[in-house]
């Protein structure tokens, strides 16, 4: 019974807060509340900025994957040639060729791993840049709601959906910064 009363009180409080926010001319998607929540991963992924970043990262990843397939085909052919030479040349000469081939393979693997790490680092850079660009927009939403804190929704056990500003934030971020291409100084930056 106490639980039902608490739930009813919470629902009434949130309804009153929503009514107050709309009565004051605030964005109807923003409720007055000390606490707001946001789903950062969705905020990034569904924003125009995040979608452009994802496309750029996908292009980079596809280029690396195509290069990996090309390298693999070349190495397979080289290994086949080396295998054919095995019985036809001096064992010491073969050993030297095999060692050189192994060193080449390991060097190429390190190069390709470094490229993959660079793409992962680029992904993190895009997220940091997005946060920096989106922060003023999110702060404005926070002020409009009279909030003192915005929490990551995943870190909460239970919260009313009415305090989730993710959809409003996406719309405003898209309106304010778009896909980020106009602000990009670096052609690889979204």
N, C-alpha and C. Protein backbone atom coordinates (compact mmCIF):
# COMPACT_ATOMS: atom_id res chain seq x y z
N UNK A 1 0.82 -1.19 0.00
CA UNK A 1 0.00 0.00 0.00
C UNK A 1 0.87 1.26 0.00
N UNK A 2 1.92 1.26 0.83
CA UNK A 2 2.83 2.40 0.89
C UNK A 2 3.52 2.58 -0.46
N UNK A 3 3.88 1.48 -1.05
CA UNK A 3 4.54 1.53 -2.36
C UNK A 3 3.61 2.14 -3.41
N UNK A 4 2.35 1.76 -3.38
CA UNK A 4 1.38 2.30 -4.33
C UNK A 4 1.20 3.80 -4.11
N UNK A 5 1.17 4.22 -2.87
CA UNK A 5 1.03 5.65 -2.57
C UNK A 5 2.26 6.43 -3.04
N UNK A 6 3.43 5.85 -2.83
CA UNK A 6 4.65 6.52 -3.32
C UNK A 6 4.63 6.65 -4.84
N UNK A 7 4.22 5.59 -5.50
CA UNK A 7 4.16 5.63 -6.96
C UNK A 7 3.15 6.68 -7.43
N UNK A 8 2.02 6.75 -6.76
CA UNK A 8 0.99 7.73 -7.10
C UNK A 8 1.53 9.14 -6.86
N UNK A 9 2.20 9.34 -5.73
CA UNK A 9 2.77 10.66 -5.41
C UNK A 9 3.82 11.05 -6.45
N UNK A 10 4.66 10.11 -6.84
CA UNK A 10 5.68 10.38 -7.86
C UNK A 10 5.02 10.75 -9.18
N UNK A 11 4.02 9.99 -9.58
CA UNK A 11 3.33 10.26 -10.83
C UNK A 11 2.65 11.63 -10.79
N UNK A 12 2.00 11.96 -9.68
CA UNK A 12 1.35 13.27 -9.56
C UNK A 12 2.38 14.39 -9.59
N UNK A 13 3.48 14.18 -8.88
CA UNK A 13 4.53 15.19 -8.86
C UNK A 13 5.10 15.43 -10.24
N UNK A 14 5.34 14.36 -10.96
CA UNK A 14 5.88 14.50 -12.31
C UNK A 14 4.86 15.14 -13.25
N UNK A 15 3.60 14.80 -13.09
CA UNK A 15 2.55 15.41 -13.91
C UNK A 15 2.45 16.90 -13.62
N UNK A 16 2.52 17.27 -12.36
CA UNK A 16 2.49 18.69 -11.99
C UNK A 16 3.71 19.41 -12.55
N UNK A 17 4.86 18.78 -12.45
CA UNK A 17 6.08 19.39 -12.98
C UNK A 17 5.98 19.57 -14.48
N UNK A 18 5.43 18.60 -15.17
CA UNK A 18 5.26 18.71 -16.62
C UNK A 18 4.29 19.83 -16.95
N UNK A 19 3.22 19.94 -16.17
CA UNK A 19 2.25 21.01 -16.37
C UNK A 19 2.88 22.37 -16.12
N UNK A 20 3.71 22.48 -15.10
CA UNK A 20 4.38 23.73 -14.79
C UNK A 20 5.32 24.12 -15.92
N UNK A 21 6.06 23.16 -16.44
CA UNK A 21 7.00 23.44 -17.51
C UNK A 21 6.27 23.94 -18.74
N UNK A 22 5.13 23.31 -19.12
CA UNK A 22 4.43 23.75 -20.31
C UNK A 22 3.72 25.07 -20.06
N UNK A 23 3.28 25.28 -18.84
CA UNK A 23 2.61 26.53 -18.54
C UNK A 23 3.58 27.69 -18.61
N UNK A 24 4.84 27.48 -18.34
CA UNK A 24 5.83 28.54 -18.37
C UNK A 24 6.39 28.75 -19.78
N UNK A 25 5.90 28.03 -20.75
CA UNK A 25 6.35 28.20 -22.12
C UNK A 25 7.64 27.45 -22.43
N UNK A 26 8.05 26.56 -21.56
CA UNK A 26 9.25 25.76 -21.82
C UNK A 26 8.94 24.73 -22.89
N UNK A 27 9.98 24.14 -23.41
CA UNK A 27 9.83 23.07 -24.38
C UNK A 27 8.94 21.99 -23.78
N UNK A 28 7.90 21.56 -24.48
CA UNK A 28 7.00 20.55 -23.90
C UNK A 28 7.69 19.21 -23.64
N UNK A 29 8.85 18.98 -24.22
CA UNK A 29 9.57 17.74 -23.97
C UNK A 29 10.44 17.79 -22.73
N UNK A 30 10.45 18.93 -22.05
CA UNK A 30 11.30 19.08 -20.86
C UNK A 30 10.41 19.31 -19.64
N UNK A 31 10.61 18.48 -18.65
CA UNK A 31 9.88 18.61 -17.40
C UNK A 31 10.77 19.36 -16.41
N UNK A 32 10.14 20.15 -15.54
CA UNK A 32 10.93 20.78 -14.47
C UNK A 32 11.27 19.71 -13.45
N UNK A 33 12.55 19.55 -13.21
CA UNK A 33 13.01 18.53 -12.27
C UNK A 33 14.43 18.85 -11.85
N UNK A 34 14.76 18.51 -10.62
CA UNK A 34 16.13 18.68 -10.16
C UNK A 34 17.07 17.69 -10.85
N UNK A 35 16.52 16.56 -11.26
CA UNK A 35 17.31 15.50 -11.87
C UNK A 35 16.77 15.19 -13.25
N UNK A 36 17.69 15.05 -14.19
CA UNK A 36 17.34 14.63 -15.54
C UNK A 36 18.22 13.44 -15.89
N UNK A 37 17.77 12.67 -16.87
CA UNK A 37 18.58 11.54 -17.33
C UNK A 37 18.79 11.68 -18.84
N UNK A 38 19.86 11.05 -19.31
CA UNK A 38 20.15 11.01 -20.73
C UNK A 38 20.82 9.68 -21.02
N UNK A 39 20.55 9.14 -22.18
CA UNK A 39 21.22 7.92 -22.65
C UNK A 39 22.31 8.38 -23.63
N UNK A 40 23.54 8.48 -23.12
CA UNK A 40 24.60 9.06 -23.94
C UNK A 40 24.84 8.27 -25.21
N UNK A 41 24.89 6.95 -25.14
CA UNK A 41 25.18 6.16 -26.34
C UNK A 41 24.13 6.42 -27.42
N UNK A 42 22.87 6.50 -27.01
CA UNK A 42 21.79 6.77 -27.98
C UNK A 42 21.88 8.22 -28.46
N UNK A 43 22.21 9.13 -27.56
CA UNK A 43 22.37 10.54 -27.92
C UNK A 43 23.40 10.68 -29.04
N UNK A 44 24.53 10.01 -28.86
CA UNK A 44 25.58 10.08 -29.87
C UNK A 44 25.17 9.34 -31.14
N UNK A 45 24.69 8.12 -31.00
CA UNK A 45 24.39 7.28 -32.17
C UNK A 45 23.26 7.83 -33.03
N UNK A 46 22.27 8.46 -32.42
CA UNK A 46 21.10 8.92 -33.17
C UNK A 46 21.22 10.37 -33.61
N UNK A 47 22.24 11.08 -33.15
CA UNK A 47 22.43 12.46 -33.60
C UNK A 47 23.04 12.45 -34.99
N UNK A 48 22.83 13.53 -35.73
CA UNK A 48 23.43 13.65 -37.06
C UNK A 48 24.95 13.59 -36.96
N UNK A 49 25.49 14.18 -35.92
CA UNK A 49 26.94 14.18 -35.69
C UNK A 49 27.45 12.75 -35.52
N UNK A 50 26.80 12.00 -34.65
CA UNK A 50 27.20 10.63 -34.39
C UNK A 50 27.04 9.73 -35.60
N UNK A 51 26.00 9.96 -36.37
CA UNK A 51 25.79 9.16 -37.57
C UNK A 51 26.85 9.44 -38.62
N UNK A 52 27.25 10.71 -38.73
CA UNK A 52 28.33 11.04 -39.66
C UNK A 52 29.64 10.41 -39.19
N UNK A 53 29.90 10.48 -37.89
CA UNK A 53 31.12 9.86 -37.35
C UNK A 53 31.12 8.37 -37.64
N UNK A 54 29.97 7.72 -37.45
CA UNK A 54 29.87 6.28 -37.69
C UNK A 54 30.15 5.96 -39.15
N UNK A 55 29.64 6.79 -40.06
CA UNK A 55 29.89 6.57 -41.48
C UNK A 55 31.38 6.69 -41.80
N UNK A 56 32.02 7.72 -41.24
CA UNK A 56 33.46 7.91 -41.48
C UNK A 56 34.26 6.74 -40.92
N UNK A 57 33.90 6.29 -39.73
CA UNK A 57 34.60 5.15 -39.13
C UNK A 57 34.37 3.87 -39.94
N UNK A 58 33.15 3.71 -40.43
CA UNK A 58 32.85 2.53 -41.25
C UNK A 58 33.67 2.54 -42.53
N UNK A 59 33.82 3.72 -43.14
CA UNK A 59 34.64 3.83 -44.35
C UNK A 59 36.10 3.46 -44.06
N UNK A 60 36.61 4.00 -42.94
CA UNK A 60 37.99 3.68 -42.54
C UNK A 60 38.14 2.18 -42.30
N UNK A 61 37.19 1.61 -41.58
CA UNK A 61 37.23 0.18 -41.29
C UNK A 61 37.15 -0.66 -42.55
N UNK A 62 36.32 -0.24 -43.50
CA UNK A 62 36.18 -0.97 -44.76
C UNK A 62 37.49 -0.92 -45.56
N UNK A 63 38.15 0.24 -45.53
CA UNK A 63 39.43 0.36 -46.24
C UNK A 63 40.48 -0.58 -45.63
N UNK A 64 40.52 -0.62 -44.31
CA UNK A 64 41.48 -1.50 -43.63
C UNK A 64 41.15 -2.96 -43.93
N UNK A 65 39.86 -3.30 -43.90
CA UNK A 65 39.46 -4.68 -44.18
C UNK A 65 39.83 -5.08 -45.61
N UNK A 66 39.62 -4.17 -46.57
CA UNK A 66 39.98 -4.46 -47.97
C UNK A 66 41.49 -4.63 -48.10
N UNK A 67 42.23 -3.76 -47.41
CA UNK A 67 43.68 -3.87 -47.45
C UNK A 67 44.14 -5.18 -46.81
N UNK A 68 43.49 -5.58 -45.72
CA UNK A 68 43.82 -6.85 -45.06
C UNK A 68 43.59 -8.03 -46.00
N UNK A 69 42.48 -8.00 -46.72
CA UNK A 69 42.19 -9.10 -47.67
C UNK A 69 43.23 -9.14 -48.79
N UNK A 70 43.62 -7.96 -49.29
CA UNK A 70 44.63 -7.90 -50.34
C UNK A 70 45.97 -8.44 -49.83
N UNK A 71 46.36 -8.00 -48.65
CA UNK A 71 47.63 -8.46 -48.05
C UNK A 71 47.58 -9.96 -47.82
N UNK A 72 46.46 -10.44 -47.31
CA UNK A 72 46.33 -11.89 -47.05
C UNK A 72 46.49 -12.69 -48.33
N UNK A 73 45.88 -12.22 -49.42
CA UNK A 73 45.99 -12.92 -50.70
C UNK A 73 47.44 -12.92 -51.19
N UNK A 74 48.12 -11.77 -51.05
CA UNK A 74 49.52 -11.69 -51.47
C UNK A 74 50.40 -12.62 -50.63
N UNK A 75 50.16 -12.63 -49.32
CA UNK A 75 50.97 -13.47 -48.44
C UNK A 75 50.70 -14.95 -48.68
N UNK A 76 49.47 -15.30 -48.99
CA UNK A 76 49.13 -16.69 -49.28
C UNK A 76 49.88 -17.15 -50.53
N UNK A 77 49.91 -16.29 -51.53
CA UNK A 77 50.63 -16.62 -52.76
C UNK A 77 52.13 -16.74 -52.49
N UNK A 78 52.66 -15.80 -51.72
CA UNK A 78 54.09 -15.83 -51.40
C UNK A 78 54.43 -17.09 -50.58
N UNK A 79 53.54 -17.46 -49.67
CA UNK A 79 53.77 -18.67 -48.87
C UNK A 79 53.74 -19.91 -49.76
N UNK A 80 52.83 -19.92 -50.71
CA UNK A 80 52.74 -21.06 -51.65
C UNK A 80 54.03 -21.18 -52.46
N UNK A 81 54.53 -20.04 -52.93
CA UNK A 81 55.79 -20.05 -53.69
C UNK A 81 56.94 -20.55 -52.82
N UNK A 82 56.96 -20.11 -51.59
CA UNK A 82 58.02 -20.52 -50.66
C UNK A 82 57.94 -22.02 -50.39
N UNK A 83 56.74 -22.53 -50.25
CA UNK A 83 56.54 -23.97 -50.00
C UNK A 83 57.05 -24.78 -51.19
N UNK A 84 56.78 -24.29 -52.40
CA UNK A 84 57.24 -24.99 -53.60
C UNK A 84 58.77 -25.03 -53.69
N UNK A 85 59.43 -23.99 -53.18
CA UNK A 85 60.90 -23.92 -53.23
C UNK A 85 61.55 -24.82 -52.18
N UNK A 86 60.79 -25.24 -51.20
CA UNK A 86 61.35 -25.96 -50.06
C UNK A 86 62.24 -27.15 -50.47
N UNK A 87 61.78 -27.99 -51.30
CA UNK A 87 62.56 -29.17 -51.69
C UNK A 87 63.55 -28.90 -52.81
N UNK A 88 63.52 -27.71 -53.38
CA UNK A 88 64.36 -27.42 -54.55
C UNK A 88 65.60 -26.60 -54.23
N UNK A 89 65.64 -26.02 -53.02
CA UNK A 89 66.80 -25.18 -52.69
C UNK A 89 67.47 -25.69 -51.42
N UNK A 90 68.66 -25.19 -51.18
CA UNK A 90 69.44 -25.55 -50.00
C UNK A 90 68.63 -25.23 -48.73
N UNK A 91 68.62 -26.14 -47.73
CA UNK A 91 67.85 -25.92 -46.50
C UNK A 91 68.22 -24.61 -45.78
N UNK A 92 69.48 -24.22 -45.80
CA UNK A 92 69.89 -22.97 -45.16
C UNK A 92 69.30 -21.76 -45.90
N UNK A 93 69.30 -21.84 -47.22
CA UNK A 93 68.73 -20.76 -48.03
C UNK A 93 67.22 -20.69 -47.79
N UNK A 94 66.58 -21.88 -47.72
CA UNK A 94 65.15 -21.91 -47.45
C UNK A 94 64.85 -21.30 -46.07
N UNK A 95 65.65 -21.66 -45.07
CA UNK A 95 65.46 -21.15 -43.71
C UNK A 95 65.53 -19.62 -43.70
N UNK A 96 66.48 -19.06 -44.45
CA UNK A 96 66.64 -17.61 -44.54
C UNK A 96 65.41 -16.97 -45.20
N UNK A 97 64.92 -17.62 -46.28
CA UNK A 97 63.72 -17.10 -46.95
C UNK A 97 62.50 -17.20 -46.03
N UNK A 98 62.39 -18.31 -45.31
CA UNK A 98 61.26 -18.50 -44.40
C UNK A 98 61.29 -17.48 -43.26
N UNK A 99 62.48 -17.23 -42.73
CA UNK A 99 62.62 -16.23 -41.66
C UNK A 99 62.26 -14.83 -42.16
N UNK A 100 62.71 -14.52 -43.36
CA UNK A 100 62.39 -13.21 -43.94
C UNK A 100 60.88 -13.07 -44.15
N UNK A 101 60.25 -14.16 -44.59
CA UNK A 101 58.80 -14.16 -44.79
C UNK A 101 58.09 -13.95 -43.45
N UNK A 102 58.53 -14.67 -42.41
CA UNK A 102 57.92 -14.51 -41.08
C UNK A 102 58.05 -13.07 -40.58
N UNK A 103 59.22 -12.48 -40.77
CA UNK A 103 59.43 -11.10 -40.34
C UNK A 103 58.51 -10.14 -41.12
N UNK A 104 58.35 -10.42 -42.40
CA UNK A 104 57.46 -9.60 -43.22
C UNK A 104 56.02 -9.70 -42.72
N UNK A 105 55.58 -10.92 -42.43
CA UNK A 105 54.22 -11.14 -41.94
C UNK A 105 54.01 -10.41 -40.62
N UNK A 106 54.96 -10.54 -39.71
CA UNK A 106 54.83 -9.89 -38.41
C UNK A 106 54.83 -8.36 -38.56
N UNK A 107 55.65 -7.84 -39.44
CA UNK A 107 55.68 -6.39 -39.68
C UNK A 107 54.36 -5.89 -40.23
N UNK A 108 53.81 -6.63 -41.21
CA UNK A 108 52.51 -6.25 -41.77
C UNK A 108 51.40 -6.34 -40.73
N UNK A 109 51.47 -7.37 -39.88
CA UNK A 109 50.47 -7.51 -38.82
C UNK A 109 50.53 -6.32 -37.86
N UNK A 110 51.74 -5.91 -37.49
CA UNK A 110 51.89 -4.74 -36.61
C UNK A 110 51.33 -3.48 -37.28
N UNK A 111 51.62 -3.31 -38.55
CA UNK A 111 51.13 -2.13 -39.28
C UNK A 111 49.60 -2.11 -39.32
N UNK A 112 49.00 -3.25 -39.62
CA UNK A 112 47.54 -3.31 -39.70
C UNK A 112 46.89 -3.15 -38.32
N UNK A 113 47.52 -3.72 -37.30
CA UNK A 113 47.01 -3.53 -35.93
C UNK A 113 47.08 -2.06 -35.54
N UNK A 114 48.14 -1.38 -35.93
CA UNK A 114 48.28 0.04 -35.63
C UNK A 114 47.18 0.84 -36.33
N UNK A 115 46.86 0.47 -37.55
CA UNK A 115 45.77 1.15 -38.27
C UNK A 115 44.44 0.93 -37.57
N UNK A 116 44.20 -0.28 -37.10
CA UNK A 116 42.95 -0.58 -36.38
C UNK A 116 42.89 0.22 -35.07
N UNK A 117 44.02 0.33 -34.38
CA UNK A 117 44.06 1.13 -33.14
C UNK A 117 43.78 2.60 -33.45
N UNK A 118 44.29 3.08 -34.56
CA UNK A 118 44.06 4.46 -34.95
C UNK A 118 42.58 4.73 -35.17
N UNK A 119 41.89 3.77 -35.79
CA UNK A 119 40.44 3.92 -35.99
C UNK A 119 39.72 3.94 -34.64
N UNK A 120 40.13 3.09 -33.72
CA UNK A 120 39.52 3.07 -32.39
C UNK A 120 39.77 4.40 -31.67
N UNK A 121 40.98 4.93 -31.79
CA UNK A 121 41.30 6.22 -31.18
C UNK A 121 40.49 7.34 -31.83
N UNK A 122 40.28 7.24 -33.13
CA UNK A 122 39.48 8.22 -33.85
C UNK A 122 38.04 8.19 -33.35
N UNK A 123 37.55 7.00 -33.09
CA UNK A 123 36.19 6.86 -32.56
C UNK A 123 36.07 7.57 -31.21
N UNK A 124 37.05 7.39 -30.36
CA UNK A 124 37.03 8.08 -29.06
C UNK A 124 37.15 9.59 -29.23
N UNK A 125 37.94 10.02 -30.20
CA UNK A 125 38.08 11.45 -30.47
C UNK A 125 36.75 12.04 -30.91
N UNK A 126 36.04 11.34 -31.78
CA UNK A 126 34.74 11.81 -32.23
C UNK A 126 33.78 11.96 -31.05
N UNK A 127 33.81 11.01 -30.12
CA UNK A 127 32.94 11.09 -28.94
C UNK A 127 33.31 12.28 -28.06
N UNK A 128 34.61 12.49 -27.86
CA UNK A 128 35.04 13.64 -27.05
C UNK A 128 34.63 14.95 -27.71
N UNK A 129 34.85 15.05 -29.02
CA UNK A 129 34.48 16.26 -29.75
C UNK A 129 32.97 16.49 -29.70
N UNK A 130 32.21 15.41 -29.79
CA UNK A 130 30.75 15.51 -29.71
C UNK A 130 30.33 16.05 -28.35
N UNK A 131 30.91 15.52 -27.30
CA UNK A 131 30.58 15.98 -25.96
C UNK A 131 30.87 17.48 -25.83
N UNK A 132 32.03 17.89 -26.32
CA UNK A 132 32.39 19.31 -26.24
C UNK A 132 31.40 20.18 -27.02
N UNK A 133 30.99 19.73 -28.19
CA UNK A 133 30.06 20.51 -29.01
C UNK A 133 28.64 20.49 -28.45
N UNK A 134 28.25 19.36 -27.86
CA UNK A 134 26.87 19.20 -27.37
C UNK A 134 26.67 19.78 -25.97
N UNK A 135 27.75 19.95 -25.23
CA UNK A 135 27.62 20.39 -23.83
C UNK A 135 26.81 21.68 -23.66
N UNK A 136 27.05 22.73 -24.44
CA UNK A 136 26.25 23.94 -24.25
C UNK A 136 24.75 23.71 -24.49
N UNK A 137 24.42 22.86 -25.45
CA UNK A 137 23.02 22.56 -25.75
C UNK A 137 22.39 21.82 -24.56
N UNK A 138 23.10 20.86 -24.03
CA UNK A 138 22.59 20.08 -22.90
C UNK A 138 22.50 20.96 -21.64
N UNK A 139 23.47 21.86 -21.46
CA UNK A 139 23.40 22.78 -20.32
C UNK A 139 22.17 23.67 -20.41
N UNK A 140 21.81 24.11 -21.62
CA UNK A 140 20.62 24.94 -21.80
C UNK A 140 19.36 24.15 -21.41
N UNK A 141 19.30 22.91 -21.80
CA UNK A 141 18.15 22.07 -21.42
C UNK A 141 18.11 21.94 -19.90
N UNK A 142 19.25 21.76 -19.30
CA UNK A 142 19.34 21.64 -17.85
C UNK A 142 18.82 22.90 -17.17
N UNK A 143 19.22 24.06 -17.67
CA UNK A 143 18.74 25.33 -17.09
C UNK A 143 17.23 25.47 -17.25
N UNK A 144 16.71 25.13 -18.43
CA UNK A 144 15.28 25.24 -18.68
C UNK A 144 14.47 24.36 -17.73
N UNK A 145 15.02 23.20 -17.40
CA UNK A 145 14.32 22.27 -16.50
C UNK A 145 14.53 22.63 -15.04
N UNK A 146 15.46 23.55 -14.78
CA UNK A 146 15.78 23.87 -13.39
C UNK A 146 16.52 22.74 -12.71
N UNK A 147 17.19 21.94 -13.51
CA UNK A 147 17.88 20.76 -12.98
C UNK A 147 19.23 21.14 -12.38
N UNK A 148 19.67 20.33 -11.44
CA UNK A 148 20.99 20.51 -10.84
C UNK A 148 21.96 19.44 -11.32
N UNK A 149 21.44 18.39 -11.92
CA UNK A 149 22.30 17.31 -12.37
C UNK A 149 21.61 16.54 -13.50
N UNK A 150 22.44 16.04 -14.42
CA UNK A 150 21.96 15.12 -15.46
C UNK A 150 22.74 13.84 -15.27
N UNK A 151 22.01 12.74 -15.15
CA UNK A 151 22.62 11.44 -14.89
C UNK A 151 22.52 10.56 -16.12
N UNK A 152 23.52 9.70 -16.29
CA UNK A 152 23.48 8.69 -17.35
C UNK A 152 22.41 7.68 -16.98
N UNK A 153 21.45 7.48 -17.85
CA UNK A 153 20.31 6.63 -17.55
C UNK A 153 20.71 5.19 -17.21
N UNK A 154 21.76 4.68 -17.83
CA UNK A 154 22.18 3.30 -17.57
C UNK A 154 22.67 3.09 -16.14
N UNK A 155 23.10 4.18 -15.50
CA UNK A 155 23.64 4.03 -14.15
C UNK A 155 22.56 4.07 -13.08
N UNK A 156 21.32 4.25 -13.48
CA UNK A 156 20.22 4.33 -12.52
C UNK A 156 19.49 3.00 -12.42
N UNK A 157 19.02 2.72 -11.24
CA UNK A 157 18.24 1.50 -11.05
C UNK A 157 16.83 1.70 -11.57
N UNK A 158 16.23 2.85 -11.23
CA UNK A 158 14.85 3.12 -11.62
C UNK A 158 14.67 4.62 -11.74
N UNK A 159 14.04 5.05 -12.81
CA UNK A 159 13.75 6.47 -13.00
C UNK A 159 12.53 6.60 -13.90
N UNK A 160 11.76 7.65 -13.67
CA UNK A 160 10.60 7.91 -14.51
C UNK A 160 11.08 8.39 -15.88
N UNK A 161 10.45 7.90 -16.93
CA UNK A 161 10.85 8.27 -18.29
C UNK A 161 10.68 9.76 -18.57
N UNK A 162 9.80 10.42 -17.82
CA UNK A 162 9.52 11.83 -18.06
C UNK A 162 10.75 12.71 -17.84
N UNK A 163 11.73 12.26 -17.06
CA UNK A 163 12.93 13.07 -16.84
C UNK A 163 14.05 12.75 -17.83
N UNK A 164 13.78 11.84 -18.78
CA UNK A 164 14.77 11.50 -19.81
C UNK A 164 14.72 12.56 -20.91
N UNK A 165 15.83 13.23 -21.14
CA UNK A 165 15.90 14.31 -22.13
C UNK A 165 16.58 13.89 -23.43
N UNK A 166 16.82 12.62 -23.61
CA UNK A 166 17.60 12.15 -24.76
C UNK A 166 17.00 12.61 -26.09
N UNK A 167 15.70 12.41 -26.28
CA UNK A 167 15.07 12.79 -27.56
C UNK A 167 15.14 14.29 -27.80
N UNK A 168 14.85 15.07 -26.76
CA UNK A 168 14.91 16.53 -26.88
C UNK A 168 16.33 16.97 -27.19
N UNK A 169 17.29 16.36 -26.50
CA UNK A 169 18.69 16.72 -26.71
C UNK A 169 19.14 16.39 -28.13
N UNK A 170 18.73 15.25 -28.65
CA UNK A 170 19.10 14.89 -30.02
C UNK A 170 18.57 15.94 -31.00
N UNK A 171 17.30 16.28 -30.85
CA UNK A 171 16.69 17.26 -31.75
C UNK A 171 17.41 18.60 -31.67
N UNK A 172 17.71 19.05 -30.48
CA UNK A 172 18.37 20.35 -30.32
C UNK A 172 19.81 20.32 -30.80
N UNK A 173 20.51 19.23 -30.53
CA UNK A 173 21.90 19.12 -30.98
C UNK A 173 21.94 19.10 -32.50
N UNK A 174 21.02 18.36 -33.11
CA UNK A 174 20.96 18.34 -34.58
C UNK A 174 20.70 19.74 -35.12
N UNK A 175 19.81 20.50 -34.45
CA UNK A 175 19.49 21.86 -34.90
C UNK A 175 20.67 22.81 -34.70
N UNK A 176 21.40 22.64 -33.60
CA UNK A 176 22.49 23.56 -33.26
C UNK A 176 23.80 23.23 -33.99
N UNK A 177 24.21 21.97 -33.97
CA UNK A 177 25.53 21.63 -34.53
C UNK A 177 25.44 20.72 -35.75
N UNK A 178 24.27 20.22 -36.05
CA UNK A 178 24.10 19.36 -37.21
C UNK A 178 25.02 18.16 -37.16
N UNK A 179 25.61 17.82 -38.28
CA UNK A 179 26.50 16.67 -38.32
C UNK A 179 27.95 17.05 -38.01
N UNK A 180 28.17 18.34 -37.71
CA UNK A 180 29.49 18.79 -37.33
C UNK A 180 30.41 19.09 -38.49
N UNK A 181 29.96 18.89 -39.70
CA UNK A 181 30.84 19.06 -40.86
C UNK A 181 31.23 20.52 -41.08
N UNK A 182 30.38 21.45 -40.71
CA UNK A 182 30.71 22.87 -40.89
C UNK A 182 31.82 23.31 -39.95
N UNK A 183 31.85 22.74 -38.74
CA UNK A 183 32.84 23.13 -37.75
C UNK A 183 34.15 22.36 -37.89
N UNK A 184 34.15 21.34 -38.73
CA UNK A 184 35.33 20.48 -38.84
C UNK A 184 36.49 21.23 -39.48
N UNK A 185 37.61 21.25 -38.76
CA UNK A 185 38.83 21.83 -39.32
C UNK A 185 39.63 20.75 -40.02
N UNK A 186 39.54 19.55 -39.47
CA UNK A 186 40.24 18.38 -39.99
C UNK A 186 39.27 17.64 -40.89
N UNK A 187 39.62 17.32 -42.14
CA UNK A 187 38.69 16.63 -43.02
C UNK A 187 38.21 15.28 -42.50
N UNK A 188 38.96 14.68 -41.57
CA UNK A 188 38.53 13.39 -41.01
C UNK A 188 37.64 13.57 -39.79
N UNK A 189 37.49 14.81 -39.33
CA UNK A 189 36.66 15.05 -38.14
C UNK A 189 35.23 15.27 -38.58
N UNK A 190 34.28 14.62 -37.91
CA UNK A 190 32.89 14.83 -38.29
C UNK A 190 32.42 16.22 -37.88
